Amino acid sequence: MAKNDPAQAPLTPAVLHILLALSTEERHGYGIMKQVAADSQGKVKMGPGTLYGSVGRMLEAGLIKESDQRVDPEMDDERRIYYKITGEGQAALRAELDRYRGVVTVAEGRLSYGN
């Protein structure tokens, strides 16, 4: 993988949450914000500026792409743009979760010696 490969670079918290929200289904912006709030049990509230700034960078990096499909065209506003995670986005999410697991393992090892 290349040096500037987004799948290997640490992700910002916003990007991590967006990828998690898109890991199960395609969503539009408001749907992503709602899923992030649900996933974090209300601890993370992502505003439109953070969301769409991150989405723009993620589109450029190839982590997500606009979907051709609309989840429910009869119930939805046609202006909404749906996003879906790409293979590269899935690889970046897996790599980030592996990094987190490593940090947790180190932290648990250190904390167990302190007791």
PDB file of N, CA and C in Angstrom:
ATOM      1  N   MET A   1       0.836  -1.184   0.000  1.00  0.00           N
ATOM      2  CA  MET A   1       0.000   0.000   0.000  1.00  0.00           C
ATOM      3  C   MET A   1       0.882   1.248   0.000  1.00  0.00           C
ATOM      4  N   ALA A   2       0.408   2.281  -0.611  1.00  0.00           N
ATOM      5  CA  ALA A   2       1.158   3.514  -0.745  1.00  0.00           C
ATOM      6  C   ALA A   2       1.263   4.240   0.586  1.00  0.00           C
ATOM      7  N   LYS A   3       2.272   5.143   0.687  1.00  0.00           N
ATOM      8  CA  LYS A   3       2.471   5.908   1.912  1.00  0.00           C
ATOM      9  C   LYS A   3       1.245   6.726   2.292  1.00  0.00           C
ATOM     10  N   ASN A   4       0.601   7.349   1.343  1.00  0.00           N
ATOM     11  CA  ASN A   4      -0.555   8.196   1.613  1.00  0.00           C
ATOM     12  C   ASN A   4      -1.866   7.434   1.495  1.00  0.00           C
ATOM     13  N   ASP A   5      -1.804   6.137   1.655  1.00  0.00           N
ATOM     14  CA  ASP A   5      -2.993   5.301   1.549  1.00  0.00           C
ATOM     15  C   ASP A   5      -3.938   5.593   2.708  1.00  0.00           C
ATOM     16  N   PRO A   6      -5.164   6.087   2.416  1.00  0.00           N
ATOM     17  CA  PRO A   6      -6.102   6.401   3.494  1.00  0.00           C
ATOM     18  C   PRO A   6      -6.457   5.198   4.349  1.00  0.00           C
ATOM     19  N   ALA A   7      -6.340   3.994   3.795  1.00  0.00           N
ATOM     20  CA  ALA A   7      -6.663   2.804   4.572  1.00  0.00           C
ATOM     21  C   ALA A   7      -5.648   2.566   5.682  1.00  0.00           C
ATOM     22  N   GLN A   8      -4.477   3.170   5.591  1.00  0.00           N
ATOM     23  CA  GLN A   8      -3.450   2.965   6.599  1.00  0.00           C
ATOM     24  C   GLN A   8      -3.274   4.152   7.538  1.00  0.00           C
ATOM     25  N   ALA A   9      -3.795   5.297   7.167  1.00  0.00           N
ATOM     26  CA  ALA A   9      -3.640   6.496   7.989  1.00  0.00           C
ATOM     27  C   ALA A   9      -4.641   6.474   9.133  1.00  0.00           C
ATOM     28  N   PRO A  10      -4.248   6.977  10.302  1.00  0.00           N
ATOM     29  CA  PRO A  10      -5.234   7.087  11.379  1.00  0.00           C
ATOM     30  C   PRO A  10      -6.388   7.991  10.949  1.00  0.00           C
ATOM     31  N   LEU A  11      -7.575   7.620  11.362  1.00  0.00           N
ATOM     32  CA  LEU A  11      -8.772   8.371  10.998  1.00  0.00           C
ATOM     33  C   LEU A  11      -9.120   9.389  12.074  1.00  0.00           C
ATOM     34  N   THR A  12      -9.720  10.487  11.662  1.00  0.00           N
ATOM     35  CA  THR A  12     -10.242  11.436  12.647  1.00  0.00           C
ATOM     36  C   THR A  12     -11.468  10.795  13.288  1.00  0.00           C
ATOM     37  N   PRO A  13     -11.841  11.238  14.489  1.00  0.00           N
ATOM     38  CA  PRO A  13     -13.051  10.681  15.101  1.00  0.00           C
ATOM     39  C   PRO A  13     -14.291  10.839  14.218  1.00  0.00           C
ATOM     40  N   ALA A  14     -14.425  11.970  13.536  1.00  0.00           N
ATOM     41  CA  ALA A  14     -15.592  12.180  12.673  1.00  0.00           C
ATOM     42  C   ALA A  14     -15.623  11.155  11.545  1.00  0.00           C
ATOM     43  N   VAL A  15     -14.487  10.928  10.901  1.00  0.00           N
ATOM     44  CA  VAL A  15     -14.418   9.969   9.797  1.00  0.00           C
ATOM     45  C   VAL A  15     -14.715   8.556  10.304  1.00  0.00           C
ATOM     46  N   LEU A  16     -14.173   8.212  11.458  1.00  0.00           N
ATOM     47  CA  LEU A  16     -14.443   6.902  12.043  1.00  0.00           C
ATOM     48  C   LEU A  16     -15.940   6.706  12.253  1.00  0.00           C
ATOM     49  N   HIS A  17     -16.596   7.686  12.846  1.00  0.00           N
ATOM     50  CA  HIS A  17     -18.032   7.583  13.109  1.00  0.00           C
ATOM     51  C   HIS A  17     -18.849   7.513  11.812  1.00  0.00           C
ATOM     52  N   ILE A  18     -18.452   8.267  10.805  1.00  0.00           N
ATOM     53  CA  ILE A  18     -19.173   8.230   9.525  1.00  0.00           C
ATOM     54  C   ILE A  18     -19.022   6.860   8.871  1.00  0.00           C
ATOM     55  N   LEU A  19     -17.810   6.314   8.875  1.00  0.00           N
ATOM     56  CA  LEU A  19     -17.602   4.986   8.290  1.00  0.00           C
ATOM     57  C   LEU A  19     -18.401   3.931   9.044  1.00  0.00           C
ATOM     58  N   LEU A  20     -18.430   4.037  10.374  1.00  0.00           N
ATOM     59  CA  LEU A  20     -19.242   3.097  11.156  1.00  0.00           C
ATOM     60  C   LEU A  20     -20.716   3.212  10.779  1.00  0.00           C
ATOM     61  N   ALA A  21     -21.196   4.431  10.621  1.00  0.00           N
ATOM     62  CA  ALA A  21     -22.602   4.647  10.260  1.00  0.00           C
ATOM     63  C   ALA A  21     -22.923   4.068   8.889  1.00  0.00           C
ATOM     64  N   LEU A  22     -21.957   4.114   7.984  1.00  0.00           N
ATOM     65  CA  LEU A  22     -22.177   3.614   6.624  1.00  0.00           C
ATOM     66  C   LEU A  22     -21.823   2.135   6.468  1.00  0.00           C
ATOM     67  N   SER A  23     -21.297   1.525   7.513  1.00  0.00           N
ATOM     68  CA  SER A  23     -20.849   0.138   7.405  1.00  0.00           C
ATOM     69  C   SER A  23     -22.001  -0.855   7.275  1.00  0.00           C
ATOM     70  N   THR A  24     -23.211  -0.440   7.651  1.00  0.00           N
ATOM     71  CA  THR A  24     -24.341  -1.367   7.585  1.00  0.00           C
ATOM     72  C   THR A  24     -25.308  -1.055   6.458  1.00  0.00           C
ATOM     73  N   GLU A  25     -25.378   0.218   6.046  1.00  0.00           N
ATOM     74  CA  GLU A  25     -26.281   0.577   4.950  1.00  0.00           C
ATOM     75  C   GLU A  25     -25.955   1.959   4.424  1.00  0.00           C
ATOM     76  N   GLU A  26     -26.472   2.240   3.234  1.00  0.00           N
ATOM     77  CA  GLU A  26     -26.324   3.558   2.635  1.00  0.00           C
ATOM     78  C   GLU A  26     -27.184   4.544   3.419  1.00  0.00           C
ATOM     79  N   ARG A  27     -26.681   5.764   3.570  1.00  0.00           N
ATOM     80  CA  ARG A  27     -27.425   6.780   4.319  1.00  0.00           C
ATOM     81  C   ARG A  27     -27.197   8.148   3.689  1.00  0.00           C
ATOM     82  N   HIS A  28     -28.155   9.036   3.894  1.00  0.00           N
ATOM     83  CA  HIS A  28     -27.984  10.442   3.526  1.00  0.00           C
ATOM     84  C   HIS A  28     -27.416  11.168   4.741  1.00  0.00           C
ATOM     85  N   GLY A  29     -27.061  12.446   4.568  1.00  0.00           N
ATOM     86  CA  GLY A  29     -26.390  13.195   5.627  1.00  0.00           C
ATOM     87  C   GLY A  29     -27.104  13.183   6.955  1.00  0.00           C
ATOM     88  N   TYR A  30     -28.396  13.497   6.956  1.00  0.00           N
ATOM     89  CA  TYR A  30     -29.139  13.521   8.212  1.00  0.00           C
ATOM     90  C   TYR A  30     -29.195  12.128   8.833  1.00  0.00           C
ATOM     91  N   GLY A  31     -29.315  11.102   7.992  1.00  0.00           N
ATOM     92  CA  GLY A  31     -29.312   9.726   8.478  1.00  0.00           C
ATOM     93  C   GLY A  31     -27.983   9.360   9.121  1.00  0.00           C
ATOM     94  N   ILE A  32     -26.882   9.856   8.549  1.00  0.00           N
ATOM     95  CA  ILE A  32     -25.562   9.622   9.137  1.00  0.00           C
ATOM     96  C   ILE A  32     -25.494  10.283  10.508  1.00  0.00           C
ATOM     97  N   MET A  33     -25.937  11.543  10.601  1.00  0.00           N
ATOM     98  CA  MET A  33     -25.898  12.253  11.885  1.00  0.00           C
ATOM     99  C   MET A  33     -26.715  11.517  12.945  1.00  0.00           C
ATOM    100  N   LYS A  34     -27.886  11.025  12.567  1.00  0.00           N
ATOM    101  CA  LYS A  34     -28.727  10.289  13.515  1.00  0.00           C
ATOM    102  C   LYS A  34     -28.069   8.982  13.938  1.00  0.00           C
ATOM    103  N   GLN A  35     -27.433   8.285  13.003  1.00  0.00           N
ATOM    104  CA  GLN A  35     -26.786   7.013  13.330  1.00  0.00           C
ATOM    105  C   GLN A  35     -25.578   7.230  14.231  1.00  0.00           C
ATOM    106  N   VAL A  36     -24.809   8.282  13.979  1.00  0.00           N
ATOM    107  CA  VAL A  36     -23.661   8.601  14.838  1.00  0.00           C
ATOM    108  C   VAL A  36     -24.138   8.859  16.266  1.00  0.00           C
ATOM    109  N   ALA A  37     -25.206   9.624  16.410  1.00  0.00           N
ATOM    110  CA  ALA A  37     -25.757   9.894  17.746  1.00  0.00           C
ATOM    111  C   ALA A  37     -26.222   8.597  18.409  1.00  0.00           C
ATOM    112  N   ALA A  38     -26.877   7.733  17.648  1.00  0.00           N
ATOM    113  CA  ALA A  38     -27.346   6.457  18.198  1.00  0.00           C
ATOM    114  C   ALA A  38     -26.173   5.556  18.579  1.00  0.00           C
ATOM    115  N   ASP A  39     -25.182   5.448  17.682  1.00  0.00           N
ATOM    116  CA  ASP A  39     -24.020   4.588  17.950  1.00  0.00           C
ATOM    117  C   ASP A  39     -23.264   5.031  19.194  1.00  0.00           C
ATOM    118  N   SER A  40     -23.211   6.337  19.415  1.00  0.00           N
ATOM    119  CA  SER A  40     -22.443   6.878  20.552  1.00  0.00           C
ATOM    120  C   SER A  40     -23.324   7.097  21.780  1.00  0.00           C
ATOM    121  N   GLN A  41     -24.559   6.639  21.711  1.00  0.00           N
ATOM    122  CA  GLN A  41     -25.526   6.817  22.801  1.00  0.00           C
ATOM    123  C   GLN A  41     -25.651   8.287  23.181  1.00  0.00           C
ATOM    124  N   GLY A  42     -25.651   9.139  22.151  1.00  0.00           N
ATOM    125  CA  GLY A  42     -25.842  10.569  22.342  1.00  0.00           C
ATOM    126  C   GLY A  42     -24.604  11.343  22.757  1.00  0.00           C
ATOM    127  N   LYS A  43     -23.473  10.670  22.881  1.00  0.00           N
ATOM    128  CA  LYS A  43     -22.241  11.344  23.330  1.00  0.00           C
ATOM    129  C   LYS A  43     -21.571  12.131  22.209  1.00  0.00           C
ATOM    130  N   VAL A  44     -21.817  11.737  20.967  1.00  0.00           N
ATOM    131  CA  VAL A  44     -21.242  12.436  19.819  1.00  0.00           C
ATOM    132  C   VAL A  44     -22.386  13.029  19.012  1.00  0.00           C
ATOM    133  N   LYS A  45     -22.360  14.332  18.885  1.00  0.00           N
ATOM    134  CA  LYS A  45     -23.345  15.024  18.053  1.00  0.00           C
ATOM    135  C   LYS A  45     -22.583  15.697  16.932  1.00  0.00           C
ATOM    136  N   MET A  46     -22.822  15.241  15.727  1.00  0.00           N
ATOM    137  CA  MET A  46     -22.100  15.742  14.570  1.00  0.00           C
ATOM    138  C   MET A  46     -22.966  16.776  13.855  1.00  0.00           C
ATOM    139  N   GLY A  47     -22.457  17.976  13.739  1.00  0.00           N
ATOM    140  CA  GLY A  47     -23.176  19.023  13.034  1.00  0.00           C
ATOM    141  C   GLY A  47     -22.938  18.952  11.541  1.00  0.00           C
ATOM    142  N   PRO A  48     -23.718  19.722  10.779  1.00  0.00           N
ATOM    143  CA  PRO A  48     -23.593  19.693   9.318  1.00  0.00           C
ATOM    144  C   PRO A  48     -22.208  20.098   8.819  1.00  0.00           C
ATOM    145  N   GLY A  49     -21.574  21.070   9.460  1.00  0.00           N
ATOM    146  CA  GLY A  49     -20.248  21.505   9.008  1.00  0.00           C
ATOM    147  C   GLY A  49     -19.223  20.395   9.106  1.00  0.00           C
ATOM    148  N   THR A  50     -19.198  19.719  10.255  1.00  0.00           N
ATOM    149  CA  THR A  50     -18.277  18.601  10.456  1.00  0.00           C
ATOM    150  C   THR A  50     -18.607  17.468   9.496  1.00  0.00           C
ATOM    151  N   LEU A  51     -19.889  17.153   9.407  1.00  0.00           N
ATOM    152  CA  LEU A  51     -20.309  16.044   8.554  1.00  0.00           C
ATOM    153  C   LEU A  51     -19.910  16.281   7.106  1.00  0.00           C
ATOM    154  N   TYR A  52     -20.345  17.399   6.530  1.00  0.00           N
ATOM    155  CA  TYR A  52     -20.120  17.597   5.099  1.00  0.00           C
ATOM    156  C   TYR A  52     -18.674  17.938   4.762  1.00  0.00           C
ATOM    157  N   GLY A  53     -17.952  18.545   5.695  1.00  0.00           N
ATOM    158  CA  GLY A  53     -16.515  18.731   5.489  1.00  0.00           C
ATOM    159  C   GLY A  53     -15.809  17.388   5.420  1.00  0.00           C
ATOM    160  N   SER A  54     -16.155  16.500   6.359  1.00  0.00           N
ATOM    161  CA  SER A  54     -15.562  15.158   6.377  1.00  0.00           C
ATOM    162  C   SER A  54     -15.992  14.358   5.152  1.00  0.00           C
ATOM    163  N   VAL A  55     -17.268  14.424   4.802  1.00  0.00           N
ATOM    164  CA  VAL A  55     -17.768  13.692   3.632  1.00  0.00           C
ATOM    165  C   VAL A  55     -17.011  14.115   2.373  1.00  0.00           C
ATOM    166  N   GLY A  56     -16.782  15.406   2.204  1.00  0.00           N
ATOM    167  CA  GLY A  56     -16.039  15.880   1.036  1.00  0.00           C
ATOM    168  C   GLY A  56     -14.645  15.292   0.963  1.00  0.00           C
ATOM    169  N   ARG A  57     -13.951  15.292   2.094  1.00  0.00           N
ATOM    170  CA  ARG A  57     -12.594  14.715   2.128  1.00  0.00           C
ATOM    171  C   ARG A  57     -12.635  13.198   1.914  1.00  0.00           C
ATOM    172  N   MET A  58     -13.661  12.552   2.456  1.00  0.00           N
ATOM    173  CA  MET A  58     -13.783  11.105   2.304  1.00  0.00           C
ATOM    174  C   MET A  58     -14.087  10.718   0.860  1.00  0.00           C
ATOM    175  N   LEU A  59     -14.904  11.518   0.181  1.00  0.00           N
ATOM    176  CA  LEU A  59     -15.175  11.280  -1.237  1.00  0.00           C
ATOM    177  C   LEU A  59     -13.884  11.397  -2.043  1.00  0.00           C
ATOM    178  N   GLU A  60     -13.104  12.447  -1.774  1.00  0.00           N
ATOM    179  CA  GLU A  60     -11.823  12.648  -2.484  1.00  0.00           C
ATOM    180  C   GLU A  60     -10.856  11.504  -2.233  1.00  0.00           C
ATOM    181  N   ALA A  61     -10.854  10.981  -1.006  1.00  0.00           N
ATOM    182  CA  ALA A  61      -9.932   9.904  -0.644  1.00  0.00           C
ATOM    183  C   ALA A  61     -10.424   8.535  -1.105  1.00  0.00           C
ATOM    184  N   GLY A  62     -11.664   8.469  -1.595  1.00  0.00           N
ATOM    185  CA  GLY A  62     -12.196   7.197  -2.068  1.00  0.00           C
ATOM    186  C   GLY A  62     -12.716   6.288  -0.956  1.00  0.00           C
ATOM    187  N   LEU A  63     -12.920   6.831   0.244  1.00  0.00           N
ATOM    188  CA  LEU A  63     -13.416   6.023   1.361  1.00  0.00           C
ATOM    189  C   LEU A  63     -14.915   5.777   1.258  1.00  0.00           C
ATOM    190  N   ILE A  64     -15.619   6.721   0.643  1.00  0.00           N
ATOM    191  CA  ILE A  64     -17.054   6.596   0.409  1.00  0.00           C
ATOM    192  C   ILE A  64     -17.342   7.089  -1.001  1.00  0.00           C
ATOM    193  N   LYS A  65     -18.541   6.803  -1.479  1.00  0.00           N
ATOM    194  CA  LYS A  65     -18.970   7.345  -2.764  1.00  0.00           C
ATOM    195  C   LYS A  65     -20.465   7.596  -2.704  1.00  0.00           C
ATOM    196  N   GLU A  66     -20.921   8.435  -3.626  1.00  0.00           N
ATOM    197  CA  GLU A  66     -22.348   8.681  -3.721  1.00  0.00           C
ATOM    198  C   GLU A  66     -23.004   7.431  -4.281  1.00  0.00           C
ATOM    199  N   SER A  67     -24.162   7.118  -3.747  1.00  0.00           N
ATOM    200  CA  SER A  67     -24.897   5.947  -4.178  1.00  0.00           C
ATOM    201  C   SER A  67     -25.786   6.302  -5.357  1.00  0.00           C
ATOM    202  N   ASP A  68     -25.990   5.333  -6.242  1.00  0.00           N
ATOM    203  CA  ASP A  68     -26.940   5.503  -7.339  1.00  0.00           C
ATOM    204  C   ASP A  68     -28.352   5.191  -6.873  1.00  0.00           C
ATOM    205  N   GLN A  69     -28.455   4.487  -5.784  1.00  0.00           N
ATOM    206  CA  GLN A  69     -29.747   4.039  -5.281  1.00  0.00           C
ATOM    207  C   GLN A  69     -30.315   5.019  -4.269  1.00  0.00           C
ATOM    208  N   ARG A  70     -31.605   5.043  -4.171  1.00  0.00           N
ATOM    209  CA  ARG A  70     -32.297   5.777  -3.119  1.00  0.00           C
ATOM    210  C   ARG A  70     -32.974   4.720  -2.257  1.00  0.00           C
ATOM    211  N   VAL A  71     -32.816   4.836  -0.957  1.00  0.00           N
ATOM    212  CA  VAL A  71     -33.311   3.799  -0.057  1.00  0.00           C
ATOM    213  C   VAL A  71     -34.811   3.610  -0.202  1.00  0.00           C
ATOM    214  N   ASP A  72     -35.583   4.682  -0.189  1.00  0.00           N
ATOM    215  CA  ASP A  72     -37.035   4.598  -0.341  1.00  0.00           C
ATOM    216  C   ASP A  72     -37.503   5.829  -1.102  1.00  0.00           C
ATOM    217  N   PRO A  73     -37.479   5.784  -2.437  1.00  0.00           N
ATOM    218  CA  PRO A  73     -37.785   6.972  -3.231  1.00  0.00           C
ATOM    219  C   PRO A  73     -39.178   7.542  -2.986  1.00  0.00           C
ATOM    220  N   GLU A  74     -40.133   6.715  -2.612  1.00  0.00           N
ATOM    221  CA  GLU A  74     -41.482   7.221  -2.370  1.00  0.00           C
ATOM    222  C   GLU A  74     -41.571   8.010  -1.073  1.00  0.00           C
ATOM    223  N   MET A  75     -40.743   7.682  -0.107  1.00  0.00           N
ATOM    224  CA  MET A  75     -40.812   8.325   1.201  1.00  0.00           C
ATOM    225  C   MET A  75     -39.726   9.380   1.387  1.00  0.00           C
ATOM    226  N   ASP A  76     -38.901   9.546   0.409  1.00  0.00           N
ATOM    227  CA  ASP A  76     -37.731  10.388   0.589  1.00  0.00           C
ATOM    228  C   ASP A  76     -37.708  11.560  -0.363  1.00  0.00           C
ATOM    229  N   ASP A  77     -36.990  12.564   0.027  1.00  0.00           N
ATOM    230  CA  ASP A  77     -36.774  13.751  -0.774  1.00  0.00           C
ATOM    231  C   ASP A  77     -35.730  13.410  -1.845  1.00  0.00           C
ATOM    232  N   GLU A  78     -36.047  13.620  -3.103  1.00  0.00           N
ATOM    233  CA  GLU A  78     -35.123  13.273  -4.188  1.00  0.00           C
ATOM    234  C   GLU A  78     -33.818  14.040  -4.134  1.00  0.00           C
ATOM    235  N   ARG A  79     -33.803  15.166  -3.432  1.00  0.00           N
ATOM    236  CA  ARG A  79     -32.580  15.968  -3.362  1.00  0.00           C
ATOM    237  C   ARG A  79     -31.542  15.356  -2.442  1.00  0.00           C
ATOM    238  N   ARG A  80     -31.941  14.449  -1.593  1.00  0.00           N
ATOM    239  CA  ARG A  80     -30.990  13.845  -0.660  1.00  0.00           C
ATOM    240  C   ARG A  80     -29.990  12.982  -1.409  1.00  0.00           C
ATOM    241  N   ILE A  81     -28.754  13.146  -1.038  1.00  0.00           N
ATOM    242  CA  ILE A  81     -27.690  12.332  -1.625  1.00  0.00           C
ATOM    243  C   ILE A  81     -27.346  11.251  -0.622  1.00  0.00           C
ATOM    244  N   TYR A  82     -27.363  10.018  -1.083  1.00  0.00           N
ATOM    245  CA  TYR A  82     -27.004   8.890  -0.238  1.00  0.00           C
ATOM    246  C   TYR A  82     -25.537   8.536  -0.482  1.00  0.00           C
ATOM    247  N   TYR A  83     -24.887   8.099   0.586  1.00  0.00           N
ATOM    248  CA  TYR A  83     -23.481   7.722   0.517  1.00  0.00           C
ATOM    249  C   TYR A  83     -23.336   6.272   0.927  1.00  0.00           C
ATOM    250  N   LYS A  84     -22.305   5.631   0.366  1.00  0.00           N
ATOM    251  CA  LYS A  84     -22.006   4.265   0.768  1.00  0.00           C
ATOM    252  C   LYS A  84     -20.505   4.103   0.916  1.00  0.00           C
ATOM    253  N   ILE A  85     -20.141   3.193   1.777  1.00  0.00           N
ATOM    254  CA  ILE A  85     -18.734   2.922   2.045  1.00  0.00           C
ATOM    255  C   ILE A  85     -18.157   2.133   0.861  1.00  0.00           C
ATOM    256  N   THR A  86     -16.912   2.391   0.533  1.00  0.00           N
ATOM    257  CA  THR A  86     -16.228   1.671  -0.545  1.00  0.00           C
ATOM    258  C   THR A  86     -15.354   0.576   0.068  1.00  0.00           C
ATOM    259  N   GLY A  87     -14.763  -0.240  -0.779  1.00  0.00           N
ATOM    260  CA  GLY A  87     -13.811  -1.246  -0.302  1.00  0.00           C
ATOM    261  C   GLY A  87     -12.658  -0.595   0.441  1.00  0.00           C
ATOM    262  N   GLU A  88     -12.191   0.525  -0.086  1.00  0.00           N
ATOM    263  CA  GLU A  88     -11.100   1.248   0.574  1.00  0.00           C
ATOM    264  C   GLU A  88     -11.563   1.790   1.930  1.00  0.00           C
ATOM    265  N   GLY A  89     -12.798   2.236   2.005  1.00  0.00           N
ATOM    266  CA  GLY A  89     -13.346   2.709   3.275  1.00  0.00           C
ATOM    267  C   GLY A  89     -13.458   1.586   4.289  1.00  0.00           C
ATOM    268  N   GLN A  90     -13.870   0.405   3.823  1.00  0.00           N
ATOM    269  CA  GLN A  90     -13.949  -0.745   4.721  1.00  0.00           C
ATOM    270  C   GLN A  90     -12.565  -1.129   5.233  1.00  0.00           C
ATOM    271  N   ALA A  91     -11.555  -1.073   4.345  1.00  0.00           N
ATOM    272  CA  ALA A  91     -10.183  -1.382   4.758  1.00  0.00           C
ATOM    273  C   ALA A  91      -9.692  -0.358   5.786  1.00  0.00           C
ATOM    274  N   ALA A  92     -10.003   0.903   5.569  1.00  0.00           N
ATOM    275  CA  ALA A  92      -9.597   1.950   6.516  1.00  0.00           C
ATOM    276  C   ALA A  92     -10.276   1.752   7.864  1.00  0.00           C
ATOM    277  N   LEU A  93     -11.546   1.394   7.846  1.00  0.00           N
ATOM    278  CA  LEU A  93     -12.280   1.149   9.095  1.00  0.00           C
ATOM    279  C   LEU A  93     -11.677  -0.041   9.833  1.00  0.00           C
ATOM    280  N   ARG A  94     -11.401  -1.123   9.128  1.00  0.00           N
ATOM    281  CA  ARG A  94     -10.781  -2.297   9.763  1.00  0.00           C
ATOM    282  C   ARG A  94      -9.419  -1.940  10.361  1.00  0.00           C
ATOM    283  N   ALA A  95      -8.616  -1.190   9.603  1.00  0.00           N
ATOM    284  CA  ALA A  95      -7.289  -0.802  10.095  1.00  0.00           C
ATOM    285  C   ALA A  95      -7.402   0.061  11.353  1.00  0.00           C
ATOM    286  N   GLU A  96      -8.351   0.981  11.357  1.00  0.00           N
ATOM    287  CA  GLU A  96      -8.531   1.848  12.523  1.00  0.00           C
ATOM    288  C   GLU A  96      -8.992   1.049  13.736  1.00  0.00           C
ATOM    289  N   LEU A  97      -9.916   0.128  13.536  1.00  0.00           N
ATOM    290  CA  LEU A  97     -10.379  -0.704  14.643  1.00  0.00           C
ATOM    291  C   LEU A  97      -9.252  -1.586  15.173  1.00  0.00           C
ATOM    292  N   ASP A  98      -8.379  -2.072  14.288  1.00  0.00           N
ATOM    293  CA  ASP A  98      -7.203  -2.830  14.732  1.00  0.00           C
ATOM    294  C   ASP A  98      -6.278  -1.954  15.578  1.00  0.00           C
ATOM    295  N   ARG A  99      -6.096  -0.682  15.169  1.00  0.00           N
ATOM    296  CA  ARG A  99      -5.278   0.243  15.961  1.00  0.00           C
ATOM    297  C   ARG A  99      -5.881   0.429  17.348  1.00  0.00           C
ATOM    298  N   TYR A 100      -7.189   0.629  17.399  1.00  0.00           N
ATOM    299  CA  TYR A 100      -7.874   0.801  18.689  1.00  0.00           C
ATOM    300  C   TYR A 100      -7.710  -0.438  19.561  1.00  0.00           C
ATOM    301  N   ARG A 101      -7.837  -1.633  18.962  1.00  0.00           N
ATOM    302  CA  ARG A 101      -7.673  -2.870  19.734  1.00  0.00           C
ATOM    303  C   ARG A 101      -6.270  -2.932  20.334  1.00  0.00           C
ATOM    304  N   GLY A 102      -5.281  -2.533  19.558  1.00  0.00           N
ATOM    305  CA  GLY A 102      -3.904  -2.529  20.057  1.00  0.00           C
ATOM    306  C   GLY A 102      -3.721  -1.579  21.230  1.00  0.00           C
ATOM    307  N   VAL A 103      -4.307  -0.396  21.128  1.00  0.00           N
ATOM    308  CA  VAL A 103      -4.220   0.586  22.212  1.00  0.00           C
ATOM    309  C   VAL A 103      -4.914   0.056  23.464  1.00  0.00           C
ATOM    310  N   VAL A 104      -6.073  -0.553  23.287  1.00  0.00           N
ATOM    311  CA  VAL A 104      -6.814  -1.099  24.436  1.00  0.00           C
ATOM    312  C   VAL A 104      -6.005  -2.215  25.091  1.00  0.00           C
ATOM    313  N   THR A 105      -5.381  -3.067  24.311  1.00  0.00           N
ATOM    314  CA  THR A 105      -4.564  -4.154  24.858  1.00  0.00           C
ATOM    315  C   THR A 105      -3.415  -3.601  25.701  1.00  0.00           C
ATOM    316  N   VAL A 106      -2.732  -2.584  25.189  1.00  0.00           N
ATOM    317  CA  VAL A 106      -1.642  -1.957  25.938  1.00  0.00           C
ATOM    318  C   VAL A 106      -2.171  -1.337  27.229  1.00  0.00           C
ATOM    319  N   ALA A 107      -3.264  -0.600  27.125  1.00  0.00           N
ATOM    320  CA  ALA A 107      -3.830   0.070  28.287  1.00  0.00           C
ATOM    321  C   ALA A 107      -4.283  -0.927  29.349  1.00  0.00           C
ATOM    322  N   GLU A 108      -4.934  -1.994  28.915  1.00  0.00           N
ATOM    323  CA  GLU A 108      -5.378  -2.998  29.889  1.00  0.00           C
ATOM    324  C   GLU A 108      -4.196  -3.656  30.577  1.00  0.00           C
ATOM    325  N   GLY A 109      -3.121  -3.914  29.832  1.00  0.00           N
ATOM    326  CA  GLY A 109      -1.922  -4.495  30.431  1.00  0.00           C
ATOM    327  C   GLY A 109      -1.302  -3.582  31.473  1.00  0.00           C
ATOM    328  N   ARG A 110      -1.279  -2.327  31.198  1.00  0.00           N
ATOM    329  CA  ARG A 110      -0.706  -1.365  32.146  1.00  0.00           C
ATOM    330  C   ARG A 110      -1.602  -1.172  33.350  1.00  0.00           C
ATOM    331  N   LEU A 111      -2.896  -1.129  33.128  1.00  0.00           N
ATOM    332  CA  LEU A 111      -3.824  -0.921  34.237  1.00  0.00           C
ATOM    333  C   LEU A 111      -3.858  -2.108  35.176  1.00  0.00           C
ATOM    334  N   SER A 112      -3.678  -3.308  34.641  1.00  0.00           N
ATOM    335  CA  SER A 112      -3.734  -4.500  35.493  1.00  0.00           C
ATOM    336  C   SER A 112      -2.536  -4.551  36.447  1.00  0.00           C
ATOM    337  N   TYR A 113      -1.394  -3.940  36.063  1.00  0.00           N
ATOM    338  CA  TYR A 113      -0.230  -3.924  36.942  1.00  0.00           C
ATOM    339  C   TYR A 113      -0.373  -2.890  38.038  1.00  0.00           C
ATOM    340  N   GLY A 114      -1.213  -1.910  37.814  1.00  0.00           N
ATOM    341  CA  GLY A 114      -1.386  -0.841  38.799  1.00  0.00           C
ATOM    342  C   GLY A 114      -2.297  -1.224  39.946  1.00  0.00           C
ATOM    343  N   ASN A 115      -2.992  -2.357  39.837  1.00  0.00           N
ATOM    344  CA  ASN A 115      -3.955  -2.758  40.892  1.00  0.00           C
ATOM    345  C   ASN A 115      -3.336  -3.654  41.911  1.00  0.00           C
TER     346      ASN A 115
END
